[in-house]
Amino acid sequence: MLGDTPLQLEGGHGLTGARLRSRNERAILTALRNSGLLASAEIAKTLDLSAQTASVITRSLAADGLLQKEDPVKGKVGKPQTPFSLSPDGAFAFGLLIGRRGADLVMMDLTGGVRQRRTIEYPYPTPQLIEDFALSKIAEATATLKSGLRDRVVGLCVAAPFELWNWLDGLGAPKDEAESWRGYDLQTGLSEITGLSVSVFNDVNLACNAELVFGAGSDLSDFAYFFVGSFIGGGIVLRGQVFHGANQNAGALGSIPVGPVDDPKHQLIHQASLYTLERMLADRSGHPVNFRSDPSVWNGYPDLVDLWIDQTARAIAQAAVSVIAVLDVSTVVVDGGFPPNVRSRLVEKINVALPDIDRQGLRPFRVIEGRLGRSAGALGAAYVPLQKTYFLEGRSLS
């Protein structure tokens, strides 16, 4: 729903805190988001608006602090044109990624720039720990803005796994701590303590959205997305938008069977997740392993890392073929919470494994690297409040 009617985010969470823009305003902001610089005449031509309408709206957006004038550009004929661009200080939003081993908070400006980043590591998350982290770090980040800009924060979006309580056993969380999430309403709890409009989405869907807007997917209209975190997940992009599905659970690629169904661990999530490598390394080293707090672990036991990469690559290759059989997309993007060199090796091994899988009846597809790594979920989350307030649905939006 566009225009000045109250907007509802998926999941029914309303967005407040900033005036919702008209359709033409959003169209101009979106054109500038995608193009970078445009003069008023170019905006009119691009959006099929009258020159007067484009001029009036751009002046209004500039007066509201959302656009800024750039240096005039001299053309072949006529007087120089003055292009506009999005103002970085026009608006801000927060994105909070709640991971199984740590949380990331980013403050993003209107251009997609990250102004502040805060992190925390833990053995497993609890509602109280997340509330304390969000409250203190949002206040800390907001305080870095000039006083006149602090009322330009339009909201907070949270990226979190669905049914978090079901996934904490594997991380050693006591049952009562895991169950504390079952009755906890993230949207209400964080809205009450921060005073911000809050929305909540699946973590990997938001990571997929970030890859679409800021990463390898920016030149793609359709792709499947695998993100290898503590537990592997996925996302689907169709026609330039993340597809969420009727129950907000489309792209649950971790649930794809990749082995004999009589094996209790026959789903991809058990075959291609970081927690399996953590356990392998913990058994070898004799102490718990957390990649977030100690990235050097990747270099300590190369034989186990090699084994895990091989196993994970074969499992993802099988899952990718299943996805292609259903979606008929031409690209699979693979990213994860690991160093870039590990990502490169994993994608290389996936491509090596594919020829061993019977793909009769399927069109060729390619597997490429994502670009955002661990920051993907928080970036995708931070972009949501800005998107819903200022931009149209479209190529660069989910």
Protein backbone atom coordinates (compact mmCIF):
# COMPACT_ATOMS: atom_id res chain seq x y z
CA MET A 1 0.00 0.00 0.00
CA LEU A 2 1.46 3.33 -1.06
CA GLY A 3 0.69 7.01 -0.57
CA ASP A 4 -0.22 8.60 2.75
CA THR A 5 -2.38 5.73 3.99
CA PRO A 6 -0.92 4.04 7.11
CA LEU A 7 1.43 1.33 5.93
CA GLN A 8 1.50 -2.17 7.36
CA LEU A 9 4.66 -4.24 7.30
CA GLU A 10 4.37 -7.93 6.57
CA GLY A 11 3.30 -9.56 9.80
CA GLY A 12 0.97 -6.69 10.69
CA HIS A 13 3.42 -4.35 12.40
CA GLY A 14 2.60 -0.70 11.67
CA LEU A 15 5.30 1.83 10.81
CA THR A 16 5.29 5.18 12.58
CA GLY A 17 7.80 7.90 13.40
CA ALA A 18 8.08 9.53 9.98
CA ARG A 19 5.60 11.01 7.53
CA LEU A 20 4.78 8.38 4.94
CA ARG A 21 5.61 9.79 1.54
CA SER A 22 3.31 10.08 -1.49
CA ARG A 23 3.74 7.71 -4.40
CA ASN A 24 5.49 10.31 -6.57
CA GLU A 25 7.84 11.23 -3.72
CA ARG A 26 8.71 7.57 -3.23
CA ALA A 27 9.22 7.13 -6.96
CA ILE A 28 11.72 9.99 -7.04
CA LEU A 29 13.56 8.77 -3.95
CA THR A 30 13.70 5.27 -5.45
CA ALA A 31 15.04 6.60 -8.77
CA LEU A 32 17.79 8.40 -6.91
CA ARG A 33 18.46 5.33 -4.75
CA ASN A 34 19.04 3.32 -7.92
CA SER A 35 20.82 5.96 -10.05
CA GLY A 36 22.79 8.02 -7.56
CA LEU A 37 22.50 11.42 -9.28
CA LEU A 38 19.64 12.85 -11.35
CA ALA A 39 18.66 16.36 -12.33
CA SER A 40 15.02 17.41 -12.09
CA ALA A 41 14.58 17.15 -15.89
CA GLU A 42 16.04 13.64 -15.88
CA ILE A 43 13.72 12.65 -13.05
CA ALA A 44 10.72 13.95 -15.02
CA LYS A 45 11.74 11.96 -18.10
CA THR A 46 12.57 8.78 -16.18
CA LEU A 47 9.29 8.74 -14.25
CA ASP A 48 7.04 10.24 -16.94
CA LEU A 49 6.22 13.26 -14.78
CA SER A 50 5.70 16.82 -15.93
CA ALA A 51 8.74 19.05 -15.52
CA GLN A 52 6.80 21.21 -13.06
CA THR A 53 5.72 18.23 -10.93
CA ALA A 54 9.25 16.85 -10.76
CA SER A 55 10.65 20.27 -9.87
CA VAL A 56 8.09 20.92 -7.13
CA ILE A 57 8.60 17.50 -5.53
CA THR A 58 12.39 17.57 -5.65
CA ARG A 59 12.40 21.02 -4.04
CA SER A 60 10.04 19.76 -1.34
CA LEU A 61 12.17 16.68 -0.67
CA ALA A 62 15.28 18.85 -0.49
CA ALA A 63 13.53 21.19 1.97
CA ASP A 64 12.69 18.14 4.11
CA GLY A 65 16.37 17.22 4.16
CA LEU A 66 15.95 14.02 2.13
CA LEU A 67 17.74 15.30 -0.99
CA GLN A 68 20.82 17.42 -1.48
CA LYS A 69 22.02 19.43 -4.47
CA GLU A 70 25.25 18.43 -6.14
CA ASP A 71 27.58 20.54 -8.31
CA PRO A 72 25.98 21.73 -11.57
CA VAL A 73 26.78 19.67 -14.67
CA LYS A 74 27.26 21.51 -17.96
CA GLY A 75 25.56 19.84 -20.92
CA LYS A 76 26.05 20.26 -24.64
CA VAL A 77 23.29 22.87 -24.87
CA GLY A 78 21.47 25.12 -22.43
CA LYS A 79 22.38 26.10 -18.92
CA PRO A 80 24.07 23.64 -16.55
CA GLN A 81 21.75 21.22 -14.76
CA THR A 82 21.92 20.77 -11.01
CA PRO A 83 21.61 17.08 -10.08
CA PHE A 84 20.12 15.84 -6.82
CA SER A 85 21.20 12.91 -4.67
CA LEU A 86 19.87 11.30 -1.53
CA SER A 87 21.04 13.07 1.61
CA PRO A 88 22.87 10.68 3.93
CA ASP A 89 21.48 12.63 6.89
CA GLY A 90 17.91 12.46 5.58
CA ALA A 91 16.91 9.48 7.72
CA PHE A 92 18.34 6.67 9.84
CA ALA A 93 17.24 3.19 10.88
CA PHE A 94 18.51 0.39 13.06
CA GLY A 95 18.91 -3.27 12.17
CA LEU A 96 19.37 -5.90 14.88
CA LEU A 97 20.49 -9.42 14.00
CA ILE A 98 19.92 -11.97 16.76
CA GLY A 99 22.21 -14.89 16.07
CA ARG A 100 22.68 -18.09 18.01
CA ARG A 101 26.22 -17.08 19.05
CA GLY A 102 26.07 -13.29 18.97
CA ALA A 103 24.08 -10.21 18.00
CA ASP A 104 24.89 -7.37 15.61
CA LEU A 105 23.34 -3.90 15.59
CA VAL A 106 23.85 -1.39 12.78
CA MET A 107 22.61 2.14 12.25
CA MET A 108 22.08 2.85 8.54
CA ASP A 109 21.55 6.18 6.80
CA LEU A 110 19.25 6.94 3.88
CA THR A 111 21.91 6.08 1.29
CA GLY A 112 22.55 2.63 2.79
CA GLY A 113 25.73 3.73 4.55
CA VAL A 114 26.48 2.14 7.91
CA ARG A 115 27.05 4.88 10.50
CA GLN A 116 27.48 2.74 13.58
CA ARG A 117 28.01 -0.94 14.32
CA ARG A 118 27.85 -2.72 17.67
CA THR A 119 28.30 -6.42 18.45
CA ILE A 120 28.02 -8.82 21.35
CA GLU A 121 29.06 -12.47 21.71
CA TYR A 122 27.36 -15.03 23.94
CA PRO A 123 27.00 -18.81 24.32
CA TYR A 124 23.29 -18.42 23.51
CA PRO A 125 20.79 -15.52 23.52
CA THR A 126 18.12 -14.73 26.12
CA PRO A 127 15.37 -12.10 25.91
CA GLN A 128 16.85 -10.06 28.77
CA LEU A 129 20.33 -10.09 27.25
CA ILE A 130 18.97 -8.92 23.88
CA GLU A 131 16.84 -6.19 25.49
CA ASP A 132 19.81 -4.86 27.46
CA PHE A 133 22.06 -4.91 24.39
CA ALA A 134 19.50 -3.22 22.13
CA LEU A 135 18.58 -0.50 24.62
CA SER A 136 22.13 0.48 25.51
CA LYS A 137 23.62 0.30 22.03
CA ILE A 138 20.76 2.08 20.25
CA ALA A 139 21.05 4.92 22.76
CA GLU A 140 24.82 4.93 22.33
CA ALA A 141 24.61 5.04 18.52
CA THR A 142 21.85 7.67 18.46
CA ALA A 143 23.95 9.90 20.71
CA THR A 144 26.59 10.09 17.96
CA LEU A 145 24.13 11.98 15.73
CA LYS A 146 23.88 15.75 15.87
CA SER A 147 20.95 16.81 18.02
CA GLY A 148 18.95 18.01 15.02
CA LEU A 149 19.18 14.60 13.38
CA ARG A 150 18.12 12.36 16.24
CA ASP A 151 14.42 12.65 15.40
CA ARG A 152 15.16 11.26 11.93
CA VAL A 153 15.46 7.68 13.20
CA VAL A 154 12.46 5.95 11.60
CA GLY A 155 12.54 2.52 13.18
CA LEU A 156 14.18 -0.74 14.17
CA CYS A 157 13.93 -4.02 12.30
CA VAL A 158 14.93 -7.29 13.92
CA ALA A 159 16.36 -10.25 12.04
CA ALA A 160 15.85 -13.43 14.05
CA PRO A 161 15.40 -17.16 13.42
CA PHE A 162 11.81 -18.38 13.55
CA GLU A 163 11.06 -20.43 16.68
CA LEU A 164 14.41 -19.63 18.22
CA TRP A 165 13.69 -21.88 21.20
CA ASN A 166 13.82 -24.94 18.93
CA TRP A 167 17.41 -24.28 17.87
CA LEU A 168 19.17 -23.50 21.14
CA ASP A 169 19.53 -27.07 22.39
CA GLY A 170 22.34 -27.68 19.94
CA LEU A 171 24.19 -24.70 21.42
CA GLY A 172 24.05 -25.98 24.99
CA ALA A 173 21.35 -23.63 26.27
CA PRO A 174 19.49 -24.85 29.38
CA LYS A 175 15.92 -25.85 28.53
CA ASP A 176 14.36 -23.08 30.65
CA GLU A 177 16.54 -20.45 28.97
CA ALA A 178 15.55 -21.71 25.50
CA GLU A 179 11.88 -21.86 26.47
CA SER A 180 11.96 -18.23 27.63
CA TRP A 181 11.76 -17.26 23.97
CA ARG A 182 8.54 -19.18 23.36
CA GLY A 183 6.26 -16.62 25.01
CA TYR A 184 8.36 -13.54 24.29
CA ASP A 185 7.09 -11.00 21.73
CA LEU A 186 10.16 -9.38 20.19
CA GLN A 187 8.20 -6.65 18.44
CA THR A 188 6.35 -5.52 21.56
CA GLY A 189 9.25 -5.98 23.98
CA LEU A 190 11.77 -3.98 21.96
CA SER A 191 9.24 -1.31 20.97
CA GLU A 192 8.39 -0.68 24.62
CA ILE A 193 11.98 -0.26 25.77
CA THR A 194 13.33 1.70 22.77
CA GLY A 195 10.29 3.81 21.86
CA LEU A 196 10.86 2.93 18.19
CA SER A 197 8.58 1.34 15.65
CA VAL A 198 9.76 -2.29 15.49
CA SER A 199 9.28 -4.99 12.87
CA VAL A 200 10.51 -8.57 12.97
CA PHE A 201 11.46 -10.82 10.03
CA ASN A 202 13.24 -14.10 9.45
CA ASP A 203 17.00 -13.59 9.68
CA VAL A 204 18.01 -15.34 6.47
CA ASN A 205 15.25 -13.68 4.42
CA LEU A 206 16.69 -10.33 5.51
CA ALA A 207 20.23 -11.49 4.70
CA CYS A 208 18.91 -12.44 1.27
CA ASN A 209 17.35 -8.98 0.95
CA ALA A 210 20.71 -7.39 1.78
CA GLU A 211 22.41 -9.52 -0.87
CA LEU A 212 19.78 -8.35 -3.35
CA VAL A 213 20.20 -4.66 -2.53
CA PHE A 214 23.87 -4.33 -1.60
CA GLY A 215 25.63 -7.49 -2.73
CA ALA A 216 25.99 -10.04 -5.52
CA GLY A 217 22.26 -9.99 -6.26
CA SER A 218 22.17 -6.33 -7.24
CA ASP A 219 22.53 -7.35 -10.91
CA LEU A 220 20.20 -10.36 -10.69
CA SER A 221 16.43 -10.55 -10.98
CA ASP A 222 16.07 -14.16 -9.79
CA PHE A 223 18.27 -16.32 -7.59
CA ALA A 224 18.31 -18.85 -4.76
CA TYR A 225 20.32 -17.94 -1.67
CA PHE A 226 22.06 -20.14 0.88
CA PHE A 227 23.54 -18.63 4.04
CA VAL A 228 25.73 -20.91 6.13
CA GLY A 229 25.45 -19.72 9.72
CA SER A 230 25.32 -21.65 12.97
CA PHE A 231 22.40 -23.28 11.15
CA ILE A 232 22.13 -23.01 7.37
CA GLY A 233 19.13 -21.16 5.93
CA GLY A 234 18.05 -19.74 2.64
CA GLY A 235 16.05 -17.24 0.66
CA ILE A 236 14.43 -16.86 -2.75
CA VAL A 237 14.44 -13.81 -5.03
CA LEU A 238 11.93 -13.69 -7.88
CA ARG A 239 11.52 -10.72 -10.21
CA GLY A 240 13.77 -8.56 -8.11
CA GLN A 241 12.00 -9.14 -4.79
CA VAL A 242 12.49 -11.52 -1.88
CA PHE A 243 9.66 -14.03 -1.92
CA HIS A 244 8.38 -14.64 1.60
CA GLY A 245 5.53 -17.09 0.94
CA ALA A 246 2.06 -17.36 2.48
CA ASN A 247 3.45 -18.19 5.93
CA GLN A 248 6.57 -15.98 5.74
CA ASN A 249 8.68 -19.13 5.53
CA ALA A 250 9.54 -19.48 1.84
CA GLY A 251 13.20 -20.21 1.30
CA ALA A 252 13.48 -22.54 4.31
CA LEU A 253 16.20 -24.32 2.37
CA GLY A 254 17.77 -25.79 5.50
CA SER A 255 14.85 -28.22 5.67
CA ILE A 256 15.59 -29.81 2.28
CA PRO A 257 16.34 -33.55 2.60
CA VAL A 258 19.85 -34.40 1.36
CA GLY A 259 20.29 -37.94 2.65
CA PRO A 260 18.42 -41.16 3.52
CA VAL A 261 15.20 -40.29 5.36
CA ASP A 262 15.84 -43.04 7.93
CA ASP A 263 18.80 -40.97 9.14
CA PRO A 264 17.52 -38.54 11.82
CA LYS A 265 19.96 -35.94 10.46
CA HIS A 266 18.95 -36.12 6.81
CA GLN A 267 18.05 -32.45 6.40
CA LEU A 268 20.50 -29.90 4.97
CA ILE A 269 20.56 -28.05 8.30
CA HIS A 270 22.31 -31.06 9.89
CA GLN A 271 24.73 -31.54 7.01
CA ALA A 272 25.86 -28.01 6.17
CA SER A 273 25.83 -25.82 9.28
CA LEU A 274 28.64 -24.24 11.25
CA TYR A 275 27.55 -25.88 14.50
CA THR A 276 28.70 -29.25 13.13
CA LEU A 277 32.20 -27.89 12.55
CA GLU A 278 32.20 -26.27 15.99
CA ARG A 279 31.47 -29.66 17.52
CA MET A 280 34.20 -31.34 15.47
CA LEU A 281 36.71 -28.70 16.58
CA ALA A 282 35.57 -28.84 20.21
CA ASP A 283 36.00 -32.61 20.28
CA ARG A 284 39.51 -32.25 18.87
CA SER A 285 40.62 -29.31 21.02
CA GLY A 286 38.87 -30.30 24.24
CA HIS A 287 37.19 -26.93 24.77
CA PRO A 288 34.13 -25.09 23.35
CA VAL A 289 34.56 -23.29 20.03
CA ASN A 290 32.86 -20.05 18.95
CA PHE A 291 33.83 -18.67 15.54
CA ARG A 292 32.44 -15.22 16.35
CA SER A 293 34.63 -14.67 19.38
CA ASP A 294 37.69 -16.49 18.04
CA PRO A 295 37.99 -16.40 14.20
CA SER A 296 41.52 -17.78 14.46
CA VAL A 297 39.97 -21.22 15.03
CA TRP A 298 39.54 -21.41 11.24
CA ASN A 299 43.32 -21.74 10.94
CA GLY A 300 43.95 -24.10 13.83
CA TYR A 301 42.75 -27.44 12.45
CA PRO A 302 42.96 -27.32 8.63
CA ASP A 303 42.18 -31.03 8.21
CA LEU A 304 38.83 -30.70 10.00
CA VAL A 305 37.98 -27.50 8.13
CA ASP A 306 38.78 -29.24 4.83
CA LEU A 307 36.57 -32.18 5.78
CA TRP A 308 33.71 -29.89 6.76
CA ILE A 309 33.99 -27.88 3.53
CA ASP A 310 33.86 -31.08 1.46
CA GLN A 311 30.81 -32.43 3.32
CA THR A 312 29.02 -29.07 3.28
CA ALA A 313 29.71 -28.52 -0.43
CA ARG A 314 28.24 -31.91 -1.39
CA ALA A 315 25.12 -31.28 0.70
CA ILE A 316 24.56 -27.78 -0.68
CA ALA A 317 25.11 -29.05 -4.23
CA GLN A 318 22.33 -31.62 -3.75
CA ALA A 319 20.01 -29.01 -2.21
CA ALA A 320 20.78 -26.53 -4.99
CA VAL A 321 19.72 -29.04 -7.63
CA SER A 322 16.43 -29.58 -5.79
CA VAL A 323 15.84 -25.83 -5.65
CA ILE A 324 16.61 -25.38 -9.34
CA ALA A 325 14.18 -28.17 -10.21
CA VAL A 326 11.38 -26.20 -8.56
CA LEU A 327 12.29 -22.56 -9.22
CA ASP A 328 14.12 -22.72 -12.56
CA VAL A 329 16.44 -19.85 -11.61
CA SER A 330 19.84 -19.54 -13.26
CA THR A 331 21.94 -18.51 -10.24
CA VAL A 332 22.58 -19.78 -6.72
CA VAL A 333 24.32 -17.39 -4.32
CA VAL A 334 26.20 -18.87 -1.35
CA ASP A 335 27.40 -16.85 1.64
CA GLY A 336 27.97 -17.44 5.32
CA GLY A 337 29.45 -16.39 8.61
CA PHE A 338 32.99 -17.31 7.70
CA PRO A 339 36.10 -15.62 6.24
CA PRO A 340 36.04 -14.80 2.48
CA ASN A 341 38.69 -17.42 1.71
CA VAL A 342 36.51 -20.13 3.27
CA ARG A 343 33.53 -18.92 1.24
CA SER A 344 35.60 -19.09 -1.95
CA ARG A 345 36.76 -22.62 -1.20
CA LEU A 346 33.22 -23.73 -0.38
CA VAL A 347 31.76 -22.35 -3.62
CA GLU A 348 34.59 -23.91 -5.60
CA LYS A 349 33.87 -27.30 -4.00
CA ILE A 350 30.12 -26.96 -4.69
CA ASN A 351 30.85 -26.41 -8.36
CA VAL A 352 33.16 -29.44 -8.32
CA ALA A 353 30.41 -31.57 -6.74
CA LEU A 354 27.63 -30.59 -9.16
CA PRO A 355 28.77 -32.71 -12.15
CA ASP A 356 28.41 -35.85 -10.00
CA ILE A 357 24.67 -35.18 -9.55
CA ASP A 358 22.21 -36.28 -12.23
CA ARG A 359 20.63 -33.06 -13.51
CA GLN A 360 18.80 -34.48 -16.49
CA GLY A 361 15.82 -32.29 -17.39
CA LEU A 362 17.26 -29.19 -15.72
CA ARG A 363 18.74 -26.13 -17.36
CA PRO A 364 22.34 -25.19 -16.47
CA PHE A 365 22.84 -22.87 -13.51
CA ARG A 366 25.80 -21.25 -11.81
CA VAL A 367 26.83 -21.06 -8.16
CA ILE A 368 28.51 -17.81 -7.12
CA GLU A 369 29.78 -16.21 -3.92
CA GLY A 370 27.81 -13.73 -1.85
CA ARG A 371 29.58 -10.55 -0.78
CA LEU A 372 28.32 -9.55 2.66
CA GLY A 373 29.26 -12.35 5.05
CA ARG A 374 28.28 -12.04 8.68
CA SER A 375 26.92 -8.51 8.26
CA ALA A 376 24.18 -9.53 5.79
CA GLY A 377 21.34 -10.04 8.27
CA ALA A 378 21.86 -6.77 10.14
CA LEU A 379 22.19 -4.80 6.88
CA GLY A 380 19.01 -6.32 5.49
CA ALA A 381 17.19 -5.52 8.71
CA ALA A 382 18.36 -1.89 8.88
CA TYR A 383 17.19 -1.28 5.32
CA VAL A 384 13.58 -2.32 6.00
CA PRO A 385 12.38 0.80 7.92
CA LEU A 386 13.99 3.06 5.31
CA GLN A 387 12.49 1.07 2.48
CA LYS A 388 9.00 1.03 3.91
CA THR A 389 9.03 4.76 4.64
CA TYR A 390 10.74 6.23 1.61
CA PHE A 391 11.00 3.86 -1.34
CA LEU A 392 8.75 2.01 -3.77
CA GLU A 393 8.76 -1.74 -4.11
CA GLY A 394 10.99 -2.60 -7.02
CA ARG A 395 14.37 -3.70 -8.29
CA SER A 396 16.43 -2.67 -5.31
CA LEU A 397 13.79 -3.45 -2.72
CA SER A 398 12.38 -6.60 -1.17
